[in-house]
Amino acid sequence: MPINLEQFAQEFSPECIQVCKVYDWTTNVISLTQELTFTFPEGSLPLTISQVNCATTLLECVEDGPRRDIECVVGDERVTLQVVTLSKTIQVILEVTGTTTTGTQTTVTSNPTLITTSEEVILCAPEGTTVCCNATQNTFNTCRVGSFTRNGNTITATVLIRVCQNIVVTFEVILEVAAKFCQPRPKIVCEEECSVDVFPPQCPSIFPM
């Protein structure tokens, strides 16, 4: 459908807005294999263990240390980019399923264990921009348990973790755009009405006469 420029000019006027301009946006994967010790509440672990699972949460992802310029060739162009160090804190929880001394099936959860790791990412992140990251919400993020040993109220397990992150570089800018101010929509009034009695159809050709 073609745009009516005259109508567009009548409806919209220049407005200034303050927004975050995206300088760069990429994804990055954390892949870790670590041996971790998990503690459980006193006496909560089942007598026999049939299944052990784990779950992760990316608690924090912050920039750590100064940025460093680096010359890169992207396509046929030489550009100056920045090497950014990101420090991540990952929370891991172990979930254990098994049978108690009374033969009851039970599932218990460990106290959280934290992992801290850091990595370097090449970004378009000139001075003044803000770098932030968060975990993507998809099935790519996994946590698997390899071998494990039990000792009283603790379990030491080899945990394989994979977390995919969105990494975004932003800077607040003020832009002039063609826009119009929004207004709240009218209130919706929805009332139930009494039904009106409907009379059966009549036969005027025969009655009344």
N, C-alpha and C. Protein backbone atom coordinates (compact mmCIF):
# COMPACT_ATOMS: atom_id res chain seq x y z
N MET A 1 0.85 -1.19 0.00
CA MET A 1 0.00 0.00 0.00
C MET A 1 0.89 1.24 0.00
N PRO A 2 0.73 2.14 -0.97
CA PRO A 2 1.60 3.33 -1.03
C PRO A 2 1.32 4.28 0.13
N ILE A 3 2.38 4.98 0.56
CA ILE A 3 2.26 5.92 1.67
C ILE A 3 1.79 7.28 1.14
N ASN A 4 0.77 7.83 1.73
CA ASN A 4 0.28 9.16 1.39
C ASN A 4 1.12 10.17 2.16
N LEU A 5 2.11 10.77 1.49
CA LEU A 5 3.05 11.67 2.17
C LEU A 5 2.36 12.92 2.70
N GLU A 6 1.36 13.39 1.97
CA GLU A 6 0.66 14.59 2.43
C GLU A 6 -0.10 14.30 3.73
N GLN A 7 -0.77 13.14 3.79
CA GLN A 7 -1.49 12.76 5.00
C GLN A 7 -0.50 12.49 6.14
N PHE A 8 0.63 11.87 5.80
CA PHE A 8 1.67 11.60 6.80
C PHE A 8 2.15 12.90 7.43
N ALA A 9 2.40 13.93 6.60
CA ALA A 9 2.89 15.22 7.11
C ALA A 9 1.86 15.90 7.99
N GLN A 10 0.58 15.69 7.70
CA GLN A 10 -0.47 16.31 8.50
C GLN A 10 -0.62 15.65 9.86
N GLU A 11 -0.43 14.34 9.92
CA GLU A 11 -0.64 13.59 11.15
C GLU A 11 0.58 13.61 12.08
N PHE A 12 1.78 13.75 11.51
CA PHE A 12 3.00 13.64 12.31
C PHE A 12 3.77 14.95 12.29
N SER A 13 4.50 15.20 13.38
CA SER A 13 5.32 16.40 13.48
C SER A 13 6.66 16.02 14.10
N PRO A 14 7.71 16.83 13.94
CA PRO A 14 9.01 16.51 14.52
C PRO A 14 8.94 16.50 16.05
N GLU A 15 9.44 15.43 16.65
CA GLU A 15 9.49 15.30 18.11
C GLU A 15 10.87 14.81 18.50
N CYS A 16 11.36 15.25 19.68
CA CYS A 16 12.63 14.78 20.22
C CYS A 16 12.36 13.67 21.23
N ILE A 17 13.07 12.56 21.10
CA ILE A 17 12.96 11.46 22.05
C ILE A 17 14.34 11.05 22.52
N GLN A 18 14.43 10.57 23.75
CA GLN A 18 15.69 10.06 24.29
C GLN A 18 15.60 8.55 24.38
N VAL A 19 16.51 7.89 23.67
CA VAL A 19 16.47 6.43 23.58
C VAL A 19 17.89 5.87 23.69
N CYS A 20 17.97 4.56 23.86
CA CYS A 20 19.27 3.88 23.87
C CYS A 20 19.58 3.41 22.45
N LYS A 21 20.63 3.97 21.87
CA LYS A 21 21.10 3.50 20.57
C LYS A 21 21.95 2.25 20.78
N VAL A 22 21.71 1.22 19.97
CA VAL A 22 22.48 -0.01 20.05
C VAL A 22 23.71 0.11 19.16
N TYR A 23 24.89 0.06 19.78
CA TYR A 23 26.15 0.12 19.03
C TYR A 23 26.58 -1.26 18.55
N ASP A 24 26.25 -2.27 19.34
CA ASP A 24 26.63 -3.64 18.97
C ASP A 24 25.71 -4.61 19.71
N TRP A 25 25.51 -5.76 19.10
CA TRP A 25 24.66 -6.80 19.71
C TRP A 25 25.12 -8.15 19.19
N THR A 26 25.52 -9.01 20.09
CA THR A 26 25.99 -10.33 19.69
C THR A 26 25.60 -11.34 20.76
N THR A 27 25.88 -12.59 20.51
CA THR A 27 25.66 -13.64 21.49
C THR A 27 26.98 -14.33 21.79
N ASN A 28 27.06 -14.92 22.97
CA ASN A 28 28.27 -15.62 23.36
C ASN A 28 27.89 -16.78 24.27
N VAL A 29 28.65 -17.84 24.22
CA VAL A 29 28.32 -19.05 24.97
C VAL A 29 29.37 -19.32 26.05
N ILE A 30 28.90 -19.56 27.27
CA ILE A 30 29.76 -20.03 28.35
C ILE A 30 29.64 -21.55 28.39
N SER A 31 30.75 -22.26 28.25
CA SER A 31 30.77 -23.71 28.39
C SER A 31 31.77 -24.07 29.47
N LEU A 32 31.28 -24.68 30.55
CA LEU A 32 32.13 -25.00 31.70
C LEU A 32 31.91 -26.44 32.13
N THR A 33 32.97 -27.06 32.58
CA THR A 33 32.89 -28.36 33.24
C THR A 33 33.64 -28.23 34.56
N GLN A 34 32.93 -28.32 35.66
CA GLN A 34 33.55 -28.12 36.97
C GLN A 34 33.07 -29.16 37.96
N GLU A 35 33.94 -29.46 38.92
CA GLU A 35 33.57 -30.33 40.03
C GLU A 35 33.14 -29.43 41.19
N LEU A 36 31.89 -29.57 41.61
CA LEU A 36 31.33 -28.70 42.64
C LEU A 36 30.80 -29.54 43.79
N THR A 37 30.83 -28.96 44.98
CA THR A 37 30.28 -29.60 46.16
C THR A 37 29.00 -28.89 46.57
N PHE A 38 27.94 -29.67 46.74
CA PHE A 38 26.62 -29.13 47.09
C PHE A 38 26.24 -29.63 48.48
N THR A 39 25.71 -28.72 49.28
CA THR A 39 25.25 -29.09 50.62
C THR A 39 23.72 -29.15 50.64
N PHE A 40 23.20 -30.05 51.48
CA PHE A 40 21.76 -30.24 51.62
C PHE A 40 21.37 -30.07 53.08
N PRO A 41 20.11 -29.71 53.34
CA PRO A 41 19.66 -29.63 54.73
C PRO A 41 19.90 -30.94 55.46
N GLU A 42 20.19 -30.85 56.73
CA GLU A 42 20.51 -32.02 57.55
C GLU A 42 19.44 -33.09 57.42
N GLY A 43 19.88 -34.30 57.05
CA GLY A 43 18.99 -35.45 56.99
C GLY A 43 17.99 -35.45 55.85
N SER A 44 18.15 -34.56 54.87
CA SER A 44 17.16 -34.47 53.79
C SER A 44 17.45 -35.41 52.63
N LEU A 45 18.70 -35.82 52.45
CA LEU A 45 19.04 -36.67 51.31
C LEU A 45 18.40 -38.05 51.46
N PRO A 46 17.88 -38.61 50.36
CA PRO A 46 17.26 -39.94 50.42
C PRO A 46 18.31 -41.03 50.67
N LEU A 47 17.83 -42.19 51.12
CA LEU A 47 18.73 -43.30 51.41
C LEU A 47 19.42 -43.79 50.14
N THR A 48 18.63 -43.99 49.09
CA THR A 48 19.19 -44.37 47.79
C THR A 48 18.84 -43.31 46.77
N ILE A 49 19.78 -43.02 45.89
CA ILE A 49 19.62 -41.95 44.89
C ILE A 49 19.41 -42.59 43.52
N SER A 50 18.32 -42.18 42.84
CA SER A 50 18.03 -42.72 41.52
C SER A 50 18.30 -41.73 40.40
N GLN A 51 18.25 -40.43 40.71
CA GLN A 51 18.43 -39.42 39.66
C GLN A 51 18.99 -38.14 40.26
N VAL A 52 19.93 -37.52 39.51
CA VAL A 52 20.53 -36.25 39.93
C VAL A 52 20.49 -35.29 38.75
N ASN A 53 19.86 -34.13 38.93
CA ASN A 53 19.79 -33.10 37.89
C ASN A 53 20.32 -31.79 38.46
N CYS A 54 20.60 -30.85 37.56
CA CYS A 54 21.06 -29.54 38.02
C CYS A 54 20.39 -28.45 37.19
N ALA A 55 20.37 -27.24 37.75
CA ALA A 55 19.80 -26.07 37.08
C ALA A 55 20.70 -24.88 37.35
N THR A 56 20.79 -23.98 36.36
CA THR A 56 21.67 -22.81 36.48
C THR A 56 20.89 -21.53 36.31
N THR A 57 21.41 -20.46 36.91
CA THR A 57 20.89 -19.11 36.73
C THR A 57 22.07 -18.16 36.61
N LEU A 58 22.07 -17.34 35.55
CA LEU A 58 23.10 -16.31 35.41
C LEU A 58 22.72 -15.14 36.31
N LEU A 59 23.36 -15.06 37.48
CA LEU A 59 23.00 -14.04 38.45
C LEU A 59 23.53 -12.66 38.09
N GLU A 60 24.74 -12.62 37.53
CA GLU A 60 25.38 -11.33 37.27
C GLU A 60 26.32 -11.45 36.09
N CYS A 61 26.34 -10.40 35.28
CA CYS A 61 27.29 -10.31 34.17
C CYS A 61 27.72 -8.85 34.09
N VAL A 62 28.93 -8.55 34.52
CA VAL A 62 29.39 -7.17 34.60
C VAL A 62 30.74 -7.02 33.91
N GLU A 63 30.98 -5.80 33.46
CA GLU A 63 32.27 -5.49 32.84
C GLU A 63 33.35 -5.43 33.92
N ASP A 64 34.48 -6.03 33.63
CA ASP A 64 35.55 -6.13 34.62
C ASP A 64 36.87 -5.67 34.00
N GLY A 65 37.36 -4.53 34.45
CA GLY A 65 38.64 -4.04 33.95
C GLY A 65 38.49 -3.12 32.76
N PRO A 66 39.58 -2.45 32.37
CA PRO A 66 39.51 -1.48 31.26
C PRO A 66 39.36 -2.18 29.91
N ARG A 67 38.79 -1.45 28.95
CA ARG A 67 38.69 -1.95 27.58
C ARG A 67 39.99 -1.72 26.84
N ARG A 68 40.23 -2.55 25.85
CA ARG A 68 41.46 -2.44 25.07
C ARG A 68 41.11 -2.39 23.59
N ASP A 69 41.65 -1.38 22.89
CA ASP A 69 41.40 -1.26 21.45
C ASP A 69 42.14 -2.35 20.69
N ILE A 70 41.51 -2.80 19.60
CA ILE A 70 42.12 -3.82 18.76
C ILE A 70 41.74 -3.54 17.31
N GLU A 71 42.70 -3.72 16.42
CA GLU A 71 42.46 -3.52 14.99
C GLU A 71 42.00 -4.84 14.37
N CYS A 72 40.85 -4.81 13.71
CA CYS A 72 40.30 -6.02 13.09
C CYS A 72 39.93 -5.73 11.65
N VAL A 73 39.99 -6.76 10.82
CA VAL A 73 39.52 -6.67 9.45
C VAL A 73 38.17 -7.36 9.38
N VAL A 74 37.12 -6.58 9.11
CA VAL A 74 35.76 -7.11 9.00
C VAL A 74 35.34 -6.93 7.55
N GLY A 75 35.16 -8.05 6.84
CA GLY A 75 34.92 -7.97 5.40
C GLY A 75 36.18 -7.48 4.73
N ASP A 76 36.10 -6.34 4.05
CA ASP A 76 37.28 -5.75 3.42
C ASP A 76 37.71 -4.48 4.13
N GLU A 77 37.14 -4.21 5.30
CA GLU A 77 37.39 -2.95 5.98
C GLU A 77 38.14 -3.19 7.29
N ARG A 78 39.14 -2.33 7.54
CA ARG A 78 39.86 -2.39 8.81
C ARG A 78 39.18 -1.43 9.79
N VAL A 79 38.79 -1.98 10.95
CA VAL A 79 38.06 -1.19 11.93
C VAL A 79 38.72 -1.33 13.30
N THR A 80 38.51 -0.30 14.14
CA THR A 80 38.99 -0.34 15.52
C THR A 80 37.85 -0.78 16.42
N LEU A 81 38.03 -1.89 17.09
CA LEU A 81 37.04 -2.41 18.01
C LEU A 81 37.63 -2.47 19.41
N GLN A 82 36.85 -2.97 20.37
CA GLN A 82 37.31 -3.01 21.75
C GLN A 82 37.22 -4.44 22.30
N VAL A 83 38.24 -4.81 23.06
CA VAL A 83 38.21 -6.07 23.80
C VAL A 83 37.67 -5.78 25.19
N VAL A 84 36.54 -6.41 25.52
CA VAL A 84 35.85 -6.17 26.79
C VAL A 84 35.88 -7.44 27.62
N THR A 85 36.28 -7.31 28.88
CA THR A 85 36.27 -8.45 29.80
C THR A 85 34.98 -8.44 30.60
N LEU A 86 34.26 -9.55 30.54
CA LEU A 86 33.00 -9.70 31.26
C LEU A 86 33.15 -10.75 32.34
N SER A 87 32.76 -10.40 33.55
CA SER A 87 32.80 -11.32 34.68
C SER A 87 31.38 -11.82 34.95
N LYS A 88 31.22 -13.14 35.04
CA LYS A 88 29.90 -13.73 35.22
C LYS A 88 29.84 -14.52 36.52
N THR A 89 28.71 -14.42 37.20
CA THR A 89 28.43 -15.23 38.38
C THR A 89 27.25 -16.12 38.07
N ILE A 90 27.45 -17.43 38.16
CA ILE A 90 26.43 -18.41 37.82
C ILE A 90 26.04 -19.19 39.07
N GLN A 91 24.76 -19.29 39.30
CA GLN A 91 24.25 -20.08 40.43
C GLN A 91 23.85 -21.47 39.93
N VAL A 92 24.30 -22.50 40.65
CA VAL A 92 23.98 -23.88 40.29
C VAL A 92 23.26 -24.53 41.47
N ILE A 93 22.17 -25.22 41.18
CA ILE A 93 21.41 -25.96 42.20
C ILE A 93 21.30 -27.41 41.75
N LEU A 94 21.50 -28.33 42.70
CA LEU A 94 21.39 -29.76 42.43
C LEU A 94 20.05 -30.27 42.93
N GLU A 95 19.41 -31.10 42.12
CA GLU A 95 18.12 -31.70 42.49
C GLU A 95 18.29 -33.21 42.51
N VAL A 96 18.01 -33.81 43.65
CA VAL A 96 18.26 -35.24 43.86
C VAL A 96 16.94 -35.94 44.11
N THR A 97 16.71 -37.02 43.38
CA THR A 97 15.51 -37.85 43.56
C THR A 97 15.94 -39.24 44.03
N GLY A 98 15.21 -39.78 45.00
CA GLY A 98 15.55 -41.10 45.51
C GLY A 98 14.49 -41.61 46.46
N THR A 99 14.86 -42.68 47.18
CA THR A 99 13.93 -43.36 48.09
C THR A 99 14.40 -43.21 49.52
N THR A 100 13.48 -42.86 50.41
CA THR A 100 13.80 -42.68 51.83
C THR A 100 13.86 -44.03 52.53
N THR A 101 14.20 -44.00 53.82
CA THR A 101 14.28 -45.24 54.62
C THR A 101 12.92 -45.92 54.76
N THR A 102 11.84 -45.16 54.57
CA THR A 102 10.50 -45.74 54.66
C THR A 102 9.96 -46.19 53.31
N GLY A 103 10.77 -46.07 52.27
CA GLY A 103 10.35 -46.49 50.94
C GLY A 103 9.59 -45.45 50.15
N THR A 104 9.58 -44.22 50.64
CA THR A 104 8.87 -43.13 49.96
C THR A 104 9.78 -42.46 48.93
N GLN A 105 9.22 -42.16 47.77
CA GLN A 105 9.95 -41.44 46.74
C GLN A 105 9.98 -39.95 47.10
N THR A 106 11.15 -39.34 47.03
CA THR A 106 11.28 -37.94 47.41
C THR A 106 12.27 -37.23 46.50
N THR A 107 12.11 -35.90 46.39
CA THR A 107 13.03 -35.06 45.63
C THR A 107 13.46 -33.89 46.51
N VAL A 108 14.76 -33.68 46.64
CA VAL A 108 15.28 -32.60 47.49
C VAL A 108 16.20 -31.73 46.66
N THR A 109 16.30 -30.47 47.08
CA THR A 109 17.10 -29.48 46.38
C THR A 109 18.23 -29.00 47.27
N SER A 110 19.40 -28.82 46.69
CA SER A 110 20.58 -28.39 47.44
C SER A 110 20.55 -26.90 47.70
N ASN A 111 21.43 -26.46 48.58
CA ASN A 111 21.70 -25.03 48.71
C ASN A 111 22.44 -24.57 47.46
N PRO A 112 22.24 -23.31 47.04
CA PRO A 112 22.92 -22.84 45.82
C PRO A 112 24.44 -22.82 45.96
N THR A 113 25.11 -23.15 44.86
CA THR A 113 26.56 -23.04 44.76
C THR A 113 26.88 -22.05 43.64
N LEU A 114 27.85 -21.16 43.87
CA LEU A 114 28.17 -20.12 42.90
C LEU A 114 29.46 -20.42 42.16
N ILE A 115 29.44 -20.09 40.88
CA ILE A 115 30.63 -20.17 40.02
C ILE A 115 30.91 -18.78 39.47
N THR A 116 32.16 -18.37 39.52
CA THR A 116 32.55 -17.09 38.92
C THR A 116 33.55 -17.35 37.80
N THR A 117 33.27 -16.79 36.64
CA THR A 117 34.16 -16.95 35.50
C THR A 117 34.22 -15.65 34.73
N SER A 118 35.23 -15.47 33.91
CA SER A 118 35.36 -14.26 33.08
C SER A 118 35.82 -14.64 31.69
N GLU A 119 35.52 -13.76 30.74
CA GLU A 119 35.91 -14.01 29.35
C GLU A 119 36.05 -12.68 28.62
N GLU A 120 36.80 -12.70 27.53
CA GLU A 120 36.98 -11.52 26.70
C GLU A 120 36.12 -11.62 25.45
N VAL A 121 35.46 -10.50 25.12
CA VAL A 121 34.60 -10.44 23.94
C VAL A 121 35.00 -9.22 23.12
N ILE A 122 35.08 -9.38 21.80
CA ILE A 122 35.40 -8.27 20.91
C ILE A 122 34.10 -7.61 20.48
N LEU A 123 33.99 -6.30 20.79
CA LEU A 123 32.76 -5.56 20.54
C LEU A 123 33.06 -4.20 19.96
N CYS A 124 32.02 -3.59 19.37
CA CYS A 124 32.08 -2.17 19.06
C CYS A 124 31.60 -1.45 20.32
N ALA A 125 32.54 -1.07 21.18
CA ALA A 125 32.22 -0.50 22.48
C ALA A 125 33.12 0.69 22.78
N PRO A 126 32.98 1.79 22.03
CA PRO A 126 33.82 2.96 22.27
C PRO A 126 33.56 3.55 23.65
N GLU A 127 34.47 4.40 24.10
CA GLU A 127 34.37 5.01 25.42
C GLU A 127 33.03 5.72 25.59
N GLY A 128 32.40 5.52 26.72
CA GLY A 128 31.11 6.15 27.00
C GLY A 128 29.93 5.22 26.84
N THR A 129 30.10 4.13 26.09
CA THR A 129 29.01 3.18 25.91
C THR A 129 28.91 2.25 27.12
N THR A 130 27.77 1.59 27.23
CA THR A 130 27.51 0.65 28.32
C THR A 130 27.37 -0.75 27.74
N VAL A 131 28.07 -1.69 28.37
CA VAL A 131 28.00 -3.08 27.95
C VAL A 131 27.22 -3.87 29.00
N CYS A 132 26.19 -4.58 28.57
CA CYS A 132 25.44 -5.42 29.49
C CYS A 132 25.11 -6.74 28.82
N CYS A 133 24.87 -7.76 29.63
CA CYS A 133 24.53 -9.06 29.07
C CYS A 133 23.58 -9.79 29.99
N ASN A 134 22.82 -10.69 29.41
CA ASN A 134 21.91 -11.53 30.17
C ASN A 134 21.73 -12.85 29.44
N ALA A 135 21.29 -13.85 30.17
CA ALA A 135 21.12 -15.17 29.58
C ALA A 135 19.91 -15.19 28.66
N THR A 136 20.04 -15.83 27.50
CA THR A 136 18.90 -16.02 26.62
C THR A 136 17.99 -17.10 27.21
N GLN A 137 16.71 -16.98 26.95
CA GLN A 137 15.75 -17.94 27.47
C GLN A 137 15.39 -18.94 26.38
N ASN A 138 16.20 -19.97 26.26
CA ASN A 138 15.89 -21.00 25.28
C ASN A 138 16.48 -22.34 25.72
N THR A 139 16.21 -23.36 24.94
CA THR A 139 16.63 -24.71 25.29
C THR A 139 18.13 -24.92 25.08
N PHE A 140 18.81 -23.92 24.51
CA PHE A 140 20.26 -24.05 24.32
C PHE A 140 20.98 -24.08 25.66
N ASN A 141 20.42 -23.42 26.68
CA ASN A 141 21.04 -23.40 28.00
C ASN A 141 20.80 -24.74 28.69
N THR A 142 21.88 -25.39 29.08
CA THR A 142 21.76 -26.72 29.67
C THR A 142 22.65 -26.84 30.89
N CYS A 143 22.28 -27.80 31.74
CA CYS A 143 23.10 -28.17 32.89
C CYS A 143 22.97 -29.68 33.05
N ARG A 144 24.08 -30.39 33.00
CA ARG A 144 24.06 -31.85 33.12
C ARG A 144 25.03 -32.29 34.22
N VAL A 145 24.68 -33.37 34.86
CA VAL A 145 25.51 -33.92 35.93
C VAL A 145 26.19 -35.18 35.43
N GLY A 146 27.54 -35.21 35.59
CA GLY A 146 28.29 -36.41 35.26
C GLY A 146 28.38 -37.32 36.48
N SER A 147 29.58 -37.70 36.83
CA SER A 147 29.77 -38.55 38.01
C SER A 147 29.57 -37.75 39.29
N PHE A 148 29.18 -38.44 40.37
CA PHE A 148 28.99 -37.77 41.66
C PHE A 148 29.26 -38.74 42.79
N THR A 149 29.65 -38.19 43.93
CA THR A 149 29.87 -38.98 45.14
C THR A 149 29.13 -38.31 46.29
N ARG A 150 28.69 -39.14 47.22
CA ARG A 150 27.94 -38.63 48.37
C ARG A 150 28.77 -38.78 49.63
N ASN A 151 28.70 -37.75 50.48
CA ASN A 151 29.41 -37.79 51.76
C ASN A 151 28.54 -37.08 52.80
N GLY A 152 27.76 -37.85 53.54
CA GLY A 152 26.88 -37.26 54.55
C GLY A 152 25.80 -36.41 53.90
N ASN A 153 25.78 -35.14 54.24
CA ASN A 153 24.79 -34.20 53.70
C ASN A 153 25.31 -33.41 52.50
N THR A 154 26.38 -33.87 51.88
CA THR A 154 26.95 -33.19 50.71
C THR A 154 27.07 -34.16 49.55
N ILE A 155 27.03 -33.61 48.36
CA ILE A 155 27.28 -34.37 47.14
C ILE A 155 28.28 -33.58 46.31
N THR A 156 29.34 -34.25 45.89
CA THR A 156 30.33 -33.65 44.99
C THR A 156 30.08 -34.21 43.60
N ALA A 157 29.83 -33.31 42.65
CA ALA A 157 29.43 -33.75 41.30
C ALA A 157 30.21 -33.00 40.24
N THR A 158 30.44 -33.68 39.13
CA THR A 158 31.00 -33.03 37.94
C THR A 158 29.83 -32.47 37.14
N VAL A 159 29.82 -31.16 36.96
CA VAL A 159 28.69 -30.47 36.35
C VAL A 159 29.13 -29.86 35.02
N LEU A 160 28.35 -30.12 33.96
CA LEU A 160 28.62 -29.56 32.64
C LEU A 160 27.58 -28.48 32.37
N ILE A 161 28.03 -27.24 32.16
CA ILE A 161 27.14 -26.08 32.05
C ILE A 161 27.33 -25.41 30.70
N ARG A 162 26.23 -25.01 30.10
CA ARG A 162 26.27 -24.21 28.87
C ARG A 162 25.21 -23.12 28.98
N VAL A 163 25.66 -21.86 28.91
CA VAL A 163 24.75 -20.72 29.02
C VAL A 163 25.01 -19.79 27.83
N CYS A 164 23.96 -19.48 27.09
CA CYS A 164 24.05 -18.54 25.97
C CYS A 164 23.61 -17.16 26.46
N GLN A 165 24.39 -16.13 26.09
CA GLN A 165 24.10 -14.78 26.56
C GLN A 165 23.86 -13.83 25.38
N ASN A 166 22.97 -12.88 25.61
CA ASN A 166 22.86 -11.69 24.76
C ASN A 166 23.81 -10.64 25.31
N ILE A 167 24.67 -10.09 24.47
CA ILE A 167 25.58 -9.02 24.88
C ILE A 167 25.25 -7.79 24.03
N VAL A 168 24.88 -6.70 24.69
CA VAL A 168 24.41 -5.50 23.99
C VAL A 168 25.23 -4.30 24.45
N VAL A 169 25.65 -3.47 23.49
CA VAL A 169 26.37 -2.23 23.77
C VAL A 169 25.44 -1.08 23.43
N THR A 170 25.22 -0.18 24.40
CA THR A 170 24.25 0.91 24.19
C THR A 170 24.82 2.26 24.63
N PHE A 171 24.19 3.31 24.13
CA PHE A 171 24.49 4.68 24.55
C PHE A 171 23.22 5.51 24.38
N GLU A 172 22.91 6.32 25.38
CA GLU A 172 21.69 7.13 25.30
C GLU A 172 21.90 8.30 24.34
N VAL A 173 20.95 8.45 23.41
CA VAL A 173 21.02 9.54 22.42
C VAL A 173 19.67 10.24 22.38
N ILE A 174 19.66 11.45 21.83
CA ILE A 174 18.42 12.20 21.62
C ILE A 174 18.19 12.30 20.12
N LEU A 175 17.03 11.85 19.67
CA LEU A 175 16.74 11.80 18.24
C LEU A 175 15.53 12.65 17.90
N GLU A 176 15.54 13.20 16.70
CA GLU A 176 14.35 13.86 16.17
C GLU A 176 13.65 12.89 15.24
N VAL A 177 12.39 12.62 15.53
CA VAL A 177 11.63 11.67 14.73
C VAL A 177 10.29 12.30 14.36
N ALA A 178 9.70 11.79 13.28
CA ALA A 178 8.35 12.20 12.91
C ALA A 178 7.38 11.34 13.70
N ALA A 179 6.60 11.98 14.55
CA ALA A 179 5.73 11.22 15.44
C ALA A 179 4.53 12.05 15.83
N LYS A 180 3.62 11.42 16.55
CA LYS A 180 2.51 12.14 17.16
C LYS A 180 2.30 11.57 18.56
N PHE A 181 1.82 12.39 19.48
CA PHE A 181 1.65 11.96 20.86
C PHE A 181 0.50 10.96 20.96
N CYS A 182 0.71 9.96 21.79
CA CYS A 182 -0.33 8.97 22.04
C CYS A 182 -1.28 9.48 23.11
N GLN A 183 -2.51 9.07 23.01
CA GLN A 183 -3.52 9.38 24.02
C GLN A 183 -4.08 8.06 24.54
N PRO A 184 -4.51 8.06 25.80
CA PRO A 184 -5.11 6.83 26.30
C PRO A 184 -6.39 6.50 25.55
N ARG A 185 -6.65 5.24 25.38
CA ARG A 185 -7.87 4.84 24.69
C ARG A 185 -9.08 5.12 25.58
N PRO A 186 -10.28 5.24 24.99
CA PRO A 186 -11.48 5.44 25.81
C PRO A 186 -11.75 4.25 26.71
N LYS A 187 -12.38 4.52 27.84
CA LYS A 187 -12.75 3.46 28.75
C LYS A 187 -13.78 2.54 28.10
N ILE A 188 -13.60 1.25 28.26
CA ILE A 188 -14.54 0.29 27.71
C ILE A 188 -15.60 -0.01 28.76
N VAL A 189 -16.84 0.25 28.42
CA VAL A 189 -17.96 -0.06 29.30
C VAL A 189 -18.69 -1.26 28.73
N CYS A 190 -18.73 -2.32 29.47
CA CYS A 190 -19.36 -3.55 29.01
C CYS A 190 -20.47 -3.91 30.00
N GLU A 191 -21.70 -3.62 29.64
CA GLU A 191 -22.83 -3.89 30.53
C GLU A 191 -23.72 -4.94 29.90
N GLU A 192 -24.18 -5.84 30.74
CA GLU A 192 -25.13 -6.84 30.27
C GLU A 192 -26.53 -6.21 30.23
N GLU A 193 -27.21 -6.42 29.12
CA GLU A 193 -28.55 -5.86 28.95
C GLU A 193 -29.61 -6.96 29.14
N CYS A 194 -30.75 -6.54 29.67
CA CYS A 194 -31.85 -7.48 29.81
C CYS A 194 -32.36 -7.89 28.43
N SER A 195 -32.64 -9.14 28.29
CA SER A 195 -33.15 -9.61 27.00
C SER A 195 -34.58 -9.14 26.81
N VAL A 196 -34.96 -8.87 25.59
CA VAL A 196 -36.30 -8.40 25.24
C VAL A 196 -37.12 -9.59 24.78
N ASP A 197 -38.33 -9.69 25.34
CA ASP A 197 -39.19 -10.80 24.94
C ASP A 197 -39.52 -10.71 23.45
N VAL A 198 -39.42 -11.80 22.77
CA VAL A 198 -39.74 -11.86 21.34
C VAL A 198 -41.05 -12.63 21.19
N PHE A 199 -42.07 -11.95 20.59
CA PHE A 199 -43.36 -12.59 20.40
C PHE A 199 -43.32 -13.54 19.21
N PRO A 200 -44.10 -14.59 19.26
CA PRO A 200 -44.18 -15.49 18.10
C PRO A 200 -44.70 -14.74 16.88
N PRO A 201 -44.32 -15.13 15.68
CA PRO A 201 -44.83 -14.46 14.46
C PRO A 201 -46.35 -14.62 14.35
N GLN A 202 -47.00 -13.57 13.87
CA GLN A 202 -48.46 -13.57 13.72
C GLN A 202 -48.87 -13.93 12.28
N CYS A 203 -50.18 -14.09 12.11
CA CYS A 203 -50.74 -14.42 10.79
C CYS A 203 -51.79 -13.37 10.42
N PRO A 204 -51.35 -12.18 10.01
CA PRO A 204 -52.30 -11.09 9.77
C PRO A 204 -53.27 -11.37 8.64
N SER A 205 -52.94 -12.29 7.77
CA SER A 205 -53.86 -12.56 6.66
C SER A 205 -55.13 -13.26 7.11
N ILE A 206 -55.09 -13.89 8.26
CA ILE A 206 -56.29 -14.59 8.74
C ILE A 206 -56.80 -14.02 10.05
N PHE A 207 -55.95 -13.32 10.82
CA PHE A 207 -56.42 -12.76 12.09
C PHE A 207 -55.51 -11.60 12.49
N PRO A 208 -56.13 -10.48 12.96
CA PRO A 208 -57.58 -10.28 13.07
C PRO A 208 -58.20 -9.94 11.71
N MET A 209 -59.47 -10.10 11.63
CA MET A 209 -60.19 -9.83 10.39
C MET A 209 -61.04 -8.59 10.53
